[in-house]
Amino acid sequence: MFYENLKRICDEKGTTVTAVLKALNLSTGSTGKWKAGSVPSLEAVEKIAAYLGVSIDDFSDVMIDYYKTHGKKLESVYGIDEEWAGIISSIPVERQELCKDFLRTHMSAPDKFLEKKRG
């Protein structure tokens, strides 16, 4: 859940959730909803991540939680469909970095190499 990950990261950084939200001029009233499983907007997550000096990936499962809540918007804005969300959410934590590296490699593969592999 988003809140648990946010709290863990704040603890690691020596701060509190409330202090971070106040510093970013975000409502502290949302924490109750987050504790219950709600997810903030992606814009808010990006602001929080930037402030804490972490990636939104560090809020493990936040994209999946967001998809469950705002699926159509996520699909239309980011192109993540339900199958991708399911695949990503099933990757064990200890294998996530390996999978990210694998996907990054394929994102930057030259087109001519890809054409040879397809043919």
PDB file of N, CA and C in Angstrom:
ATOM      1  N   MET A   1       0.821  -1.188   0.000  1.00  0.00           N
ATOM      2  CA  MET A   1       0.000   0.000   0.000  1.00  0.00           C
ATOM      3  C   MET A   1       0.871   1.260   0.000  1.00  0.00           C
ATOM      4  N   PHE A   2       0.342   2.283  -0.595  1.00  0.00           N
ATOM      5  CA  PHE A   2       1.086   3.530  -0.732  1.00  0.00           C
ATOM      6  C   PHE A   2       1.518   4.094   0.618  1.00  0.00           C
ATOM      7  N   TYR A   3       0.594   4.181   1.565  1.00  0.00           N
ATOM      8  CA  TYR A   3       0.912   4.838   2.835  1.00  0.00           C
ATOM      9  C   TYR A   3       2.051   4.140   3.570  1.00  0.00           C
ATOM     10  N   GLU A   4       2.004   2.812   3.613  1.00  0.00           N
ATOM     11  CA  GLU A   4       3.048   2.068   4.316  1.00  0.00           C
ATOM     12  C   GLU A   4       4.420   2.334   3.695  1.00  0.00           C
ATOM     13  N   ASN A   5       4.465   2.375   2.367  1.00  0.00           N
ATOM     14  CA  ASN A   5       5.732   2.645   1.689  1.00  0.00           C
ATOM     15  C   ASN A   5       6.197   4.080   1.937  1.00  0.00           C
ATOM     16  N   LEU A   6       5.266   5.021   1.914  1.00  0.00           N
ATOM     17  CA  LEU A   6       5.608   6.416   2.194  1.00  0.00           C
ATOM     18  C   LEU A   6       6.157   6.550   3.611  1.00  0.00           C
ATOM     19  N   LYS A   7       5.502   5.932   4.557  1.00  0.00           N
ATOM     20  CA  LYS A   7       5.954   6.000   5.951  1.00  0.00           C
ATOM     21  C   LYS A   7       7.340   5.390   6.100  1.00  0.00           C
ATOM     22  N   ARG A   8       7.574   4.258   5.465  1.00  0.00           N
ATOM     23  CA  ARG A   8       8.877   3.593   5.531  1.00  0.00           C
ATOM     24  C   ARG A   8       9.976   4.501   4.967  1.00  0.00           C
ATOM     25  N   ILE A   9       9.700   5.107   3.813  1.00  0.00           N
ATOM     26  CA  ILE A   9      10.686   5.991   3.183  1.00  0.00           C
ATOM     27  C   ILE A   9      10.935   7.220   4.057  1.00  0.00           C
ATOM     28  N   CYS A  10       9.871   7.785   4.607  1.00  0.00           N
ATOM     29  CA  CYS A  10      10.033   8.939   5.506  1.00  0.00           C
ATOM     30  C   CYS A  10      10.885   8.558   6.717  1.00  0.00           C
ATOM     31  N   ASP A  11      10.622   7.390   7.302  1.00  0.00           N
ATOM     32  CA  ASP A  11      11.419   6.929   8.446  1.00  0.00           C
ATOM     33  C   ASP A  11      12.892   6.805   8.065  1.00  0.00           C
ATOM     34  N   GLU A  12      13.146   6.236   6.879  1.00  0.00           N
ATOM     35  CA  GLU A  12      14.526   6.077   6.405  1.00  0.00           C
ATOM     36  C   GLU A  12      15.212   7.431   6.209  1.00  0.00           C
ATOM     37  N   LYS A  13      14.432   8.435   5.823  1.00  0.00           N
ATOM     38  CA  LYS A  13      14.976   9.776   5.561  1.00  0.00           C
ATOM     39  C   LYS A  13      14.984  10.655   6.813  1.00  0.00           C
ATOM     40  N   GLY A  14      14.479  10.115   7.928  1.00  0.00           N
ATOM     41  CA  GLY A  14      14.475  10.876   9.171  1.00  0.00           C
ATOM     42  C   GLY A  14      13.441  11.978   9.220  1.00  0.00           C
ATOM     43  N   THR A  15      12.308  11.754   8.571  1.00  0.00           N
ATOM     44  CA  THR A  15      11.236  12.749   8.570  1.00  0.00           C
ATOM     45  C   THR A  15       9.907  12.042   8.800  1.00  0.00           C
ATOM     46  N   THR A  16       8.830  12.797   8.727  1.00  0.00           N
ATOM     47  CA  THR A  16       7.497  12.220   8.897  1.00  0.00           C
ATOM     48  C   THR A  16       6.647  12.515   7.670  1.00  0.00           C
ATOM     49  N   VAL A  17       5.595  11.743   7.525  1.00  0.00           N
ATOM     50  CA  VAL A  17       4.663  11.957   6.419  1.00  0.00           C
ATOM     51  C   VAL A  17       4.083  13.364   6.509  1.00  0.00           C
ATOM     52  N   THR A  18       3.664  13.760   7.685  1.00  0.00           N
ATOM     53  CA  THR A  18       3.069  15.086   7.874  1.00  0.00           C
ATOM     54  C   THR A  18       4.046  16.197   7.499  1.00  0.00           C
ATOM     55  N   ALA A  19       5.294  16.074   7.902  1.00  0.00           N
ATOM     56  CA  ALA A  19       6.295  17.103   7.582  1.00  0.00           C
ATOM     57  C   ALA A  19       6.502  17.217   6.074  1.00  0.00           C
ATOM     58  N   VAL A  20       6.525  16.085   5.389  1.00  0.00           N
ATOM     59  CA  VAL A  20       6.706  16.093   3.934  1.00  0.00           C
ATOM     60  C   VAL A  20       5.519  16.772   3.262  1.00  0.00           C
ATOM     61  N   LEU A  21       4.315  16.392   3.660  1.00  0.00           N
ATOM     62  CA  LEU A  21       3.113  16.969   3.046  1.00  0.00           C
ATOM     63  C   LEU A  21       3.033  18.470   3.289  1.00  0.00           C
ATOM     64  N   LYS A  22       3.366  18.903   4.499  1.00  0.00           N
ATOM     65  CA  LYS A  22       3.352  20.341   4.796  1.00  0.00           C
ATOM     66  C   LYS A  22       4.389  21.082   3.960  1.00  0.00           C
ATOM     67  N   ALA A  23       5.574  20.500   3.810  1.00  0.00           N
ATOM     68  CA  ALA A  23       6.629  21.143   3.021  1.00  0.00           C
ATOM     69  C   ALA A  23       6.223  21.303   1.561  1.00  0.00           C
ATOM     70  N   LEU A  24       5.386  20.394   1.082  1.00  0.00           N
ATOM     71  CA  LEU A  24       4.938  20.432  -0.315  1.00  0.00           C
ATOM     72  C   LEU A  24       3.592  21.130  -0.491  1.00  0.00           C
ATOM     73  N   ASN A  25       3.055  21.679   0.599  1.00  0.00           N
ATOM     74  CA  ASN A  25       1.732  22.313   0.577  1.00  0.00           C
ATOM     75  C   ASN A  25       0.648  21.357   0.096  1.00  0.00           C
ATOM     76  N   LEU A  26       0.774  20.087   0.497  1.00  0.00           N
ATOM     77  CA  LEU A  26      -0.253  19.087   0.192  1.00  0.00           C
ATOM     78  C   LEU A  26      -1.087  18.861   1.446  1.00  0.00           C
ATOM     79  N   SER A  27      -2.328  18.492   1.260  1.00  0.00           N
ATOM     80  CA  SER A  27      -3.237  18.289   2.381  1.00  0.00           C
ATOM     81  C   SER A  27      -2.795  17.120   3.258  1.00  0.00           C
ATOM     82  N   THR A  28      -2.739  17.374   4.559  1.00  0.00           N
ATOM     83  CA  THR A  28      -2.421  16.297   5.494  1.00  0.00           C
ATOM     84  C   THR A  28      -3.671  15.489   5.830  1.00  0.00           C
ATOM     85  N   GLY A  29      -4.817  15.976   5.422  1.00  0.00           N
ATOM     86  CA  GLY A  29      -6.069  15.275   5.683  1.00  0.00           C
ATOM     87  C   GLY A  29      -6.248  14.013   4.861  1.00  0.00           C
ATOM     88  N   SER A  30      -5.436  13.842   3.839  1.00  0.00           N
ATOM     89  CA  SER A  30      -5.556  12.670   2.968  1.00  0.00           C
ATOM     90  C   SER A  30      -4.943  11.412   3.562  1.00  0.00           C
ATOM     91  N   THR A  31      -4.131  11.562   4.594  1.00  0.00           N
ATOM     92  CA  THR A  31      -3.419  10.396   5.118  1.00  0.00           C
ATOM     93  C   THR A  31      -4.365   9.316   5.622  1.00  0.00           C
ATOM     94  N   GLY A  32      -5.491   9.704   6.162  1.00  0.00           N
ATOM     95  CA  GLY A  32      -6.474   8.717   6.620  1.00  0.00           C
ATOM     96  C   GLY A  32      -6.974   7.857   5.472  1.00  0.00           C
ATOM     97  N   LYS A  33      -7.238   8.488   4.337  1.00  0.00           N
ATOM     98  CA  LYS A  33      -7.679   7.747   3.148  1.00  0.00           C
ATOM     99  C   LYS A  33      -6.570   6.828   2.652  1.00  0.00           C
ATOM    100  N   TRP A  34      -5.330   7.333   2.679  1.00  0.00           N
ATOM    101  CA  TRP A  34      -4.196   6.528   2.210  1.00  0.00           C
ATOM    102  C   TRP A  34      -3.992   5.313   3.102  1.00  0.00           C
ATOM    103  N   LYS A  35      -4.169   5.503   4.425  1.00  0.00           N
ATOM    104  CA  LYS A  35      -4.044   4.374   5.356  1.00  0.00           C
ATOM    105  C   LYS A  35      -5.091   3.312   5.051  1.00  0.00           C
ATOM    106  N   ALA A  36      -6.247   3.751   4.556  1.00  0.00           N
ATOM    107  CA  ALA A  36      -7.337   2.825   4.227  1.00  0.00           C
ATOM    108  C   ALA A  36      -7.177   2.204   2.843  1.00  0.00           C
ATOM    109  N   GLY A  37      -6.121   2.581   2.116  1.00  0.00           N
ATOM    110  CA  GLY A  37      -5.868   1.969   0.818  1.00  0.00           C
ATOM    111  C   GLY A  37      -6.043   2.861  -0.386  1.00  0.00           C
ATOM    112  N   SER A  38      -6.488   4.095  -0.189  1.00  0.00           N
ATOM    113  CA  SER A  38      -6.628   5.025  -1.302  1.00  0.00           C
ATOM    114  C   SER A  38      -5.244   5.445  -1.793  1.00  0.00           C
ATOM    115  N   VAL A  39      -5.191   5.922  -3.021  1.00  0.00           N
ATOM    116  CA  VAL A  39      -3.924   6.326  -3.630  1.00  0.00           C
ATOM    117  C   VAL A  39      -4.040   7.781  -4.083  1.00  0.00           C
ATOM    118  N   PRO A  40      -3.026   8.603  -3.803  1.00  0.00           N
ATOM    119  CA  PRO A  40      -3.064   9.994  -4.264  1.00  0.00           C
ATOM    120  C   PRO A  40      -2.873  10.072  -5.773  1.00  0.00           C
ATOM    121  N   SER A  41      -3.049  11.249  -6.311  1.00  0.00           N
ATOM    122  CA  SER A  41      -2.830  11.440  -7.749  1.00  0.00           C
ATOM    123  C   SER A  41      -1.366  11.170  -8.083  1.00  0.00           C
ATOM    124  N   LEU A  42      -1.114  10.826  -9.332  1.00  0.00           N
ATOM    125  CA  LEU A  42       0.271  10.602  -9.754  1.00  0.00           C
ATOM    126  C   LEU A  42       1.101  11.864  -9.597  1.00  0.00           C
ATOM    127  N   GLU A  43       0.484  13.014  -9.812  1.00  0.00           N
ATOM    128  CA  GLU A  43       1.195  14.277  -9.640  1.00  0.00           C
ATOM    129  C   GLU A  43       1.684  14.425  -8.198  1.00  0.00           C
ATOM    130  N   ALA A  44       0.830  14.077  -7.244  1.00  0.00           N
ATOM    131  CA  ALA A  44       1.222  14.160  -5.832  1.00  0.00           C
ATOM    132  C   ALA A  44       2.335  13.165  -5.522  1.00  0.00           C
ATOM    133  N   VAL A  45       2.226  11.952  -6.055  1.00  0.00           N
ATOM    134  CA  VAL A  45       3.263  10.935  -5.831  1.00  0.00           C
ATOM    135  C   VAL A  45       4.595  11.417  -6.404  1.00  0.00           C
ATOM    136  N   GLU A  46       4.554  12.007  -7.599  1.00  0.00           N
ATOM    137  CA  GLU A  46       5.782  12.510  -8.218  1.00  0.00           C
ATOM    138  C   GLU A  46       6.410  13.623  -7.380  1.00  0.00           C
ATOM    139  N   LYS A  47       5.581  14.531  -6.840  1.00  0.00           N
ATOM    140  CA  LYS A  47       6.095  15.609  -5.987  1.00  0.00           C
ATOM    141  C   LYS A  47       6.742  15.041  -4.727  1.00  0.00           C
ATOM    142  N   ILE A  48       6.055  14.087  -4.109  1.00  0.00           N
ATOM    143  CA  ILE A  48       6.565  13.481  -2.876  1.00  0.00           C
ATOM    144  C   ILE A  48       7.880  12.755  -3.152  1.00  0.00           C
ATOM    145  N   ALA A  49       7.910  11.987  -4.232  1.00  0.00           N
ATOM    146  CA  ALA A  49       9.125  11.243  -4.585  1.00  0.00           C
ATOM    147  C   ALA A  49      10.291  12.199  -4.831  1.00  0.00           C
ATOM    148  N   ALA A  50      10.039  13.270  -5.574  1.00  0.00           N
ATOM    149  CA  ALA A  50      11.100  14.245  -5.862  1.00  0.00           C
ATOM    150  C   ALA A  50      11.606  14.889  -4.572  1.00  0.00           C
ATOM    151  N   TYR A  51      10.691  15.257  -3.698  1.00  0.00           N
ATOM    152  CA  TYR A  51      11.071  15.885  -2.433  1.00  0.00           C
ATOM    153  C   TYR A  51      11.938  14.954  -1.586  1.00  0.00           C
ATOM    154  N   LEU A  52      11.579  13.672  -1.578  1.00  0.00           N
ATOM    155  CA  LEU A  52      12.316  12.697  -0.775  1.00  0.00           C
ATOM    156  C   LEU A  52      13.560  12.162  -1.486  1.00  0.00           C
ATOM    157  N   GLY A  53      13.717  12.532  -2.756  1.00  0.00           N
ATOM    158  CA  GLY A  53      14.881  12.077  -3.504  1.00  0.00           C
ATOM    159  C   GLY A  53      14.833  10.607  -3.866  1.00  0.00           C
ATOM    160  N   VAL A  54      13.629  10.116  -4.138  1.00  0.00           N
ATOM    161  CA  VAL A  54      13.458   8.715  -4.521  1.00  0.00           C
ATOM    162  C   VAL A  54      12.659   8.651  -5.817  1.00  0.00           C
ATOM    163  N   SER A  55      12.589   7.475  -6.381  1.00  0.00           N
ATOM    164  CA  SER A  55      11.792   7.247  -7.583  1.00  0.00           C
ATOM    165  C   SER A  55      10.382   6.838  -7.169  1.00  0.00           C
ATOM    166  N   ILE A  56       9.413   7.057  -8.048  1.00  0.00           N
ATOM    167  CA  ILE A  56       8.070   6.564  -7.722  1.00  0.00           C
ATOM    168  C   ILE A  56       8.082   5.044  -7.652  1.00  0.00           C
ATOM    169  N   ASP A  57       9.083   4.400  -8.262  1.00  0.00           N
ATOM    170  CA  ASP A  57       9.227   2.948  -8.143  1.00  0.00           C
ATOM    171  C   ASP A  57       9.450   2.532  -6.696  1.00  0.00           C
ATOM    172  N   ASP A  58      10.009   3.437  -5.891  1.00  0.00           N
ATOM    173  CA  ASP A  58      10.252   3.121  -4.490  1.00  0.00           C
ATOM    174  C   ASP A  58       8.954   3.026  -3.687  1.00  0.00           C
ATOM    175  N   PHE A  59       7.888   3.528  -4.244  1.00  0.00           N
ATOM    176  CA  PHE A  59       6.577   3.358  -3.631  1.00  0.00           C
ATOM    177  C   PHE A  59       5.970   2.101  -4.245  1.00  0.00           C
ATOM    178  N   SER A  60       6.599   0.971  -3.988  1.00  0.00           N
ATOM    179  CA  SER A  60       6.229  -0.304  -4.596  1.00  0.00           C
ATOM    180  C   SER A  60       4.720  -0.460  -4.665  1.00  0.00           C
ATOM    181  N   ASP A  61       4.252  -0.879  -5.795  1.00  0.00           N
ATOM    182  CA  ASP A  61       2.838  -1.148  -6.065  1.00  0.00           C
ATOM    183  C   ASP A  61       1.988   0.099  -6.255  1.00  0.00           C
ATOM    184  N   VAL A  62       2.573   1.291  -6.173  1.00  0.00           N
ATOM    185  CA  VAL A  62       1.744   2.486  -6.311  1.00  0.00           C
ATOM    186  C   VAL A  62       1.097   2.550  -7.689  1.00  0.00           C
ATOM    187  N   MET A  63       1.819   2.143  -8.728  1.00  0.00           N
ATOM    188  CA  MET A  63       1.237   2.162 -10.067  1.00  0.00           C
ATOM    189  C   MET A  63       0.092   1.157 -10.172  1.00  0.00           C
ATOM    190  N   ILE A  64       0.267   0.006  -9.554  1.00  0.00           N
ATOM    191  CA  ILE A  64      -0.787  -1.010  -9.588  1.00  0.00           C
ATOM    192  C   ILE A  64      -2.003  -0.523  -8.805  1.00  0.00           C
ATOM    193  N   ASP A  65      -1.774   0.032  -7.613  1.00  0.00           N
ATOM    194  CA  ASP A  65      -2.880   0.576  -6.825  1.00  0.00           C
ATOM    195  C   ASP A  65      -3.587   1.680  -7.595  1.00  0.00           C
ATOM    196  N   TYR A  66      -2.806   2.535  -8.250  1.00  0.00           N
ATOM    197  CA  TYR A  66      -3.395   3.620  -9.021  1.00  0.00           C
ATOM    198  C   TYR A  66      -4.217   3.057 -10.169  1.00  0.00           C
ATOM    199  N   TYR A  67      -3.700   2.016 -10.812  1.00  0.00           N
ATOM    200  CA  TYR A  67      -4.431   1.409 -11.928  1.00  0.00           C
ATOM    201  C   TYR A  67      -5.781   0.875 -11.460  1.00  0.00           C
ATOM    202  N   LYS A  68      -5.784   0.220 -10.317  1.00  0.00           N
ATOM    203  CA  LYS A  68      -7.039  -0.335  -9.795  1.00  0.00           C
ATOM    204  C   LYS A  68      -8.059   0.768  -9.542  1.00  0.00           C
ATOM    205  N   THR A  69      -7.577   1.931  -9.122  1.00  0.00           N
ATOM    206  CA  THR A  69      -8.473   3.040  -8.814  1.00  0.00           C
ATOM    207  C   THR A  69      -8.816   3.884 -10.034  1.00  0.00           C
ATOM    208  N   HIS A  70      -7.836   4.095 -10.912  1.00  0.00           N
ATOM    209  CA  HIS A  70      -7.997   5.006 -12.043  1.00  0.00           C
ATOM    210  C   HIS A  70      -7.604   4.338 -13.351  1.00  0.00           C
ATOM    211  N   GLY A  71      -7.980   3.080 -13.539  1.00  0.00           N
ATOM    212  CA  GLY A  71      -7.521   2.262 -14.659  1.00  0.00           C
ATOM    213  C   GLY A  71      -7.587   2.895 -16.026  1.00  0.00           C
ATOM    214  N   LYS A  72      -8.706   3.408 -16.419  1.00  0.00           N
ATOM    215  CA  LYS A  72      -8.846   3.960 -17.774  1.00  0.00           C
ATOM    216  C   LYS A  72      -7.936   5.162 -17.983  1.00  0.00           C
ATOM    217  N   LYS A  73      -7.830   6.024 -16.980  1.00  0.00           N
ATOM    218  CA  LYS A  73      -6.958   7.191 -17.108  1.00  0.00           C
ATOM    219  C   LYS A  73      -5.506   6.743 -17.242  1.00  0.00           C
ATOM    220  N   LEU A  74      -5.088   5.795 -16.421  1.00  0.00           N
ATOM    221  CA  LEU A  74      -3.711   5.309 -16.480  1.00  0.00           C
ATOM    222  C   LEU A  74      -3.424   4.682 -17.825  1.00  0.00           C
ATOM    223  N   GLU A  75      -4.372   3.916 -18.325  1.00  0.00           N
ATOM    224  CA  GLU A  75      -4.186   3.274 -19.621  1.00  0.00           C
ATOM    225  C   GLU A  75      -4.077   4.307 -20.731  1.00  0.00           C
ATOM    226  N   SER A  76      -4.939   5.319 -20.702  1.00  0.00           N
ATOM    227  CA  SER A  76      -4.915   6.307 -21.776  1.00  0.00           C
ATOM    228  C   SER A  76      -3.705   7.238 -21.687  1.00  0.00           C
ATOM    229  N   VAL A  77      -3.256   7.565 -20.484  1.00  0.00           N
ATOM    230  CA  VAL A  77      -2.134   8.482 -20.334  1.00  0.00           C
ATOM    231  C   VAL A  77      -0.793   7.767 -20.471  1.00  0.00           C
ATOM    232  N   TYR A  78      -0.663   6.598 -19.847  1.00  0.00           N
ATOM    233  CA  TYR A  78       0.631   5.922 -19.806  1.00  0.00           C
ATOM    234  C   TYR A  78       0.698   4.660 -20.656  1.00  0.00           C
ATOM    235  N   GLY A  79      -0.417   4.220 -21.213  1.00  0.00           N
ATOM    236  CA  GLY A  79      -0.406   3.039 -22.062  1.00  0.00           C
ATOM    237  C   GLY A  79      -0.213   1.737 -21.306  1.00  0.00           C
ATOM    238  N   ILE A  80      -0.530   1.716 -20.023  1.00  0.00           N
ATOM    239  CA  ILE A  80      -0.396   0.497 -19.230  1.00  0.00           C
ATOM    240  C   ILE A  80      -1.750  -0.196 -19.183  1.00  0.00           C
ATOM    241  N   ASP A  81      -1.814  -1.402 -19.727  1.00  0.00           N
ATOM    242  CA  ASP A  81      -3.084  -2.115 -19.717  1.00  0.00           C
ATOM    243  C   ASP A  81      -3.153  -3.081 -18.530  1.00  0.00           C
ATOM    244  N   GLU A  82      -4.291  -3.712 -18.375  1.00  0.00           N
ATOM    245  CA  GLU A  82      -4.522  -4.581 -17.225  1.00  0.00           C
ATOM    246  C   GLU A  82      -3.547  -5.756 -17.189  1.00  0.00           C
ATOM    247  N   GLU A  83      -3.215  -6.310 -18.349  1.00  0.00           N
ATOM    248  CA  GLU A  83      -2.275  -7.439 -18.377  1.00  0.00           C
ATOM    249  C   GLU A  83      -0.899  -7.013 -17.860  1.00  0.00           C
ATOM    250  N   TRP A  84      -0.407  -5.842 -18.337  1.00  0.00           N
ATOM    251  CA  TRP A  84       0.886  -5.342 -17.860  1.00  0.00           C
ATOM    252  C   TRP A  84       0.839  -5.110 -16.351  1.00  0.00           C
ATOM    253  N   ALA A  85      -0.226  -4.521 -15.882  1.00  0.00           N
ATOM    254  CA  ALA A  85      -0.351  -4.255 -14.450  1.00  0.00           C
ATOM    255  C   ALA A  85      -0.290  -5.557 -13.659  1.00  0.00           C
ATOM    256  N   GLY A  86      -0.951  -6.596 -14.155  1.00  0.00           N
ATOM    257  CA  GLY A  86      -0.923  -7.895 -13.486  1.00  0.00           C
ATOM    258  C   GLY A  86       0.459  -8.516 -13.487  1.00  0.00           C
ATOM    259  N   ILE A  87       1.141  -8.417 -14.614  1.00  0.00           N
ATOM    260  CA  ILE A  87       2.499  -8.965 -14.716  1.00  0.00           C
ATOM    261  C   ILE A  87       3.432  -8.242 -13.746  1.00  0.00           C
ATOM    262  N   ILE A  88       3.376  -6.933 -13.775  1.00  0.00           N
ATOM    263  CA  ILE A  88       4.259  -6.134 -12.924  1.00  0.00           C
ATOM    264  C   ILE A  88       3.995  -6.417 -11.448  1.00  0.00           C
ATOM    265  N   SER A  89       2.734  -6.517 -11.080  1.00  0.00           N
ATOM    266  CA  SER A  89       2.410  -6.719  -9.669  1.00  0.00           C
ATOM    267  C   SER A  89       2.800  -8.099  -9.170  1.00  0.00           C
ATOM    268  N   SER A  90       3.011  -9.054 -10.082  1.00  0.00           N
ATOM    269  CA  SER A  90       3.356 -10.409  -9.647  1.00  0.00           C
ATOM    270  C   SER A  90       4.864 -10.656  -9.577  1.00  0.00           C
ATOM    271  N   ILE A  91       5.676  -9.674  -9.946  1.00  0.00           N
ATOM    272  CA  ILE A  91       7.133  -9.840  -9.889  1.00  0.00           C
ATOM    273  C   ILE A  91       7.582  -9.744  -8.431  1.00  0.00           C
ATOM    274  N   PRO A  92       8.265 -10.786  -7.939  1.00  0.00           N
ATOM    275  CA  PRO A  92       8.746 -10.740  -6.550  1.00  0.00           C
ATOM    276  C   PRO A  92       9.703  -9.564  -6.346  1.00  0.00           C
ATOM    277  N   VAL A  93       9.652  -8.953  -5.194  1.00  0.00           N
ATOM    278  CA  VAL A  93      10.457  -7.769  -4.896  1.00  0.00           C
ATOM    279  C   VAL A  93      11.930  -8.011  -5.196  1.00  0.00           C
ATOM    280  N   GLU A  94      12.435  -9.182  -4.830  1.00  0.00           N
ATOM    281  CA  GLU A  94      13.861  -9.454  -5.018  1.00  0.00           C
ATOM    282  C   GLU A  94      14.261  -9.598  -6.488  1.00  0.00           C
ATOM    283  N   ARG A  95      13.297  -9.707  -7.400  1.00  0.00           N
ATOM    284  CA  ARG A  95      13.588  -9.837  -8.829  1.00  0.00           C
ATOM    285  C   ARG A  95      13.260  -8.567  -9.615  1.00  0.00           C
ATOM    286  N   GLN A  96      12.705  -7.564  -8.963  1.00  0.00           N
ATOM    287  CA  GLN A  96      12.252  -6.372  -9.666  1.00  0.00           C
ATOM    288  C   GLN A  96      13.379  -5.610 -10.349  1.00  0.00           C
ATOM    289  N   GLU A  97      14.529  -5.462  -9.696  1.00  0.00           N
ATOM    290  CA  GLU A  97      15.644  -4.734 -10.318  1.00  0.00           C
ATOM    291  C   GLU A  97      16.121  -5.445 -11.573  1.00  0.00           C
ATOM    292  N   LEU A  98      16.211  -6.772 -11.521  1.00  0.00           N
ATOM    293  CA  LEU A  98      16.610  -7.552 -12.684  1.00  0.00           C
ATOM    294  C   LEU A  98      15.637  -7.320 -13.836  1.00  0.00           C
ATOM    295  N   CYS A  99      14.349  -7.346 -13.527  1.00  0.00           N
ATOM    296  CA  CYS A  99      13.327  -7.124 -14.559  1.00  0.00           C
ATOM    297  C   CYS A  99      13.398  -5.706 -15.120  1.00  0.00           C
ATOM    298  N   LYS A 100      13.615  -4.719 -14.264  1.00  0.00           N
ATOM    299  CA  LYS A 100      13.734  -3.335 -14.728  1.00  0.00           C
ATOM    300  C   LYS A 100      14.924  -3.191 -15.671  1.00  0.00           C
ATOM    301  N   ASP A 101      16.060  -3.790 -15.286  1.00  0.00           N
ATOM    302  CA  ASP A 101      17.248  -3.724 -16.147  1.00  0.00           C
ATOM    303  C   ASP A 101      16.981  -4.371 -17.497  1.00  0.00           C
ATOM    304  N   PHE A 102      16.313  -5.515 -17.479  1.00  0.00           N
ATOM    305  CA  PHE A 102      15.975  -6.214 -18.716  1.00  0.00           C
ATOM    306  C   PHE A 102      15.112  -5.326 -19.614  1.00  0.00           C
ATOM    307  N   LEU A 103      14.092  -4.727 -19.045  1.00  0.00           N
ATOM    308  CA  LEU A 103      13.196  -3.873 -19.827  1.00  0.00           C
ATOM    309  C   LEU A 103      13.906  -2.616 -20.322  1.00  0.00           C
ATOM    310  N   ARG A 104      14.768  -2.030 -19.495  1.00  0.00           N
ATOM    311  CA  ARG A 104      15.517  -0.848 -19.934  1.00  0.00           C
ATOM    312  C   ARG A 104      16.394  -1.181 -21.135  1.00  0.00           C
ATOM    313  N   THR A 105      17.010  -2.358 -21.119  1.00  0.00           N
ATOM    314  CA  THR A 105      17.849  -2.790 -22.235  1.00  0.00           C
ATOM    315  C   THR A 105      17.038  -2.845 -23.516  1.00  0.00           C
ATOM    316  N   HIS A 106      15.840  -3.363 -23.428  1.00  0.00           N
ATOM    317  CA  HIS A 106      15.004  -3.489 -24.616  1.00  0.00           C
ATOM    318  C   HIS A 106      14.393  -2.157 -25.045  1.00  0.00           C
ATOM    319  N   MET A 107      14.259  -1.222 -24.131  1.00  0.00           N
ATOM    320  CA  MET A 107      13.753   0.101 -24.493  1.00  0.00           C
ATOM    321  C   MET A 107      14.762   0.838 -25.353  1.00  0.00           C
ATOM    322  N   SER A 108      16.043   0.595 -25.118  1.00  0.00           N
ATOM    323  CA  SER A 108      17.071   1.350 -25.823  1.00  0.00           C
ATOM    324  C   SER A 108      17.715   0.562 -26.957  1.00  0.00           C
ATOM    325  N   ALA A 109      17.169  -0.606 -27.294  1.00  0.00           N
ATOM    326  CA  ALA A 109      17.739  -1.414 -28.378  1.00  0.00           C
ATOM    327  C   ALA A 109      17.563  -0.693 -29.709  1.00  0.00           C
ATOM    328  N   PRO A 110      18.619  -0.665 -30.542  1.00  0.00           N
ATOM    329  CA  PRO A 110      18.506  -0.008 -31.852  1.00  0.00           C
ATOM    330  C   PRO A 110      17.437  -0.675 -32.715  1.00  0.00           C
ATOM    331  N   ASP A 111      16.705   0.145 -33.455  1.00  0.00           N
ATOM    332  CA  ASP A 111      15.640  -0.374 -34.308  1.00  0.00           C
ATOM    333  C   ASP A 111      16.151  -1.388 -35.318  1.00  0.00           C
ATOM    334  N   LYS A 112      17.324  -1.147 -35.902  1.00  0.00           N
ATOM    335  CA  LYS A 112      17.824  -2.071 -36.918  1.00  0.00           C
ATOM    336  C   LYS A 112      18.099  -3.446 -36.314  1.00  0.00           C
ATOM    337  N   PHE A 113      18.519  -3.496 -35.039  1.00  0.00           N
ATOM    338  CA  PHE A 113      18.731  -4.772 -34.376  1.00  0.00           C
ATOM    339  C   PHE A 113      17.396  -5.481 -34.182  1.00  0.00           C
ATOM    340  N   LEU A 114      16.400  -4.723 -33.790  1.00  0.00           N
ATOM    341  CA  LEU A 114      15.081  -5.309 -33.583  1.00  0.00           C
ATOM    342  C   LEU A 114      14.520  -5.872 -34.881  1.00  0.00           C
ATOM    343  N   GLU A 115      14.729  -5.165 -35.986  1.00  0.00           N
ATOM    344  CA  GLU A 115      14.242  -5.643 -37.283  1.00  0.00           C
ATOM    345  C   GLU A 115      14.900  -6.964 -37.658  1.00  0.00           C
ATOM    346  N   LYS A 116      16.195  -7.105 -37.424  1.00  0.00           N
ATOM    347  CA  LYS A 116      16.896  -8.349 -37.732  1.00  0.00           C
ATOM    348  C   LYS A 116      16.352  -9.496 -36.892  1.00  0.00           C
ATOM    349  N   LYS A 117      16.077  -9.228 -35.627  1.00  0.00           N
ATOM    350  CA  LYS A 117      15.569 -10.270 -34.742  1.00  0.00           C
ATOM    351  C   LYS A 117      14.168 -10.717 -35.144  1.00  0.00           C
ATOM    352  N   ARG A 118      13.361  -9.793 -35.628  1.00  0.00           N
ATOM    353  CA  ARG A 118      11.990 -10.134 -36.025  1.00  0.00           C
ATOM    354  C   ARG A 118      11.977 -10.968 -37.293  1.00  0.00           C
ATOM    355  N   GLY A 119      12.869 -10.643 -38.214  1.00  0.00           N
ATOM    356  CA  GLY A 119      12.886 -11.263 -39.530  1.00  0.00           C
ATOM    357  C   GLY A 119      13.474 -12.598 -39.508  1.00  0.00           C
TER     358      GLY A 119
END
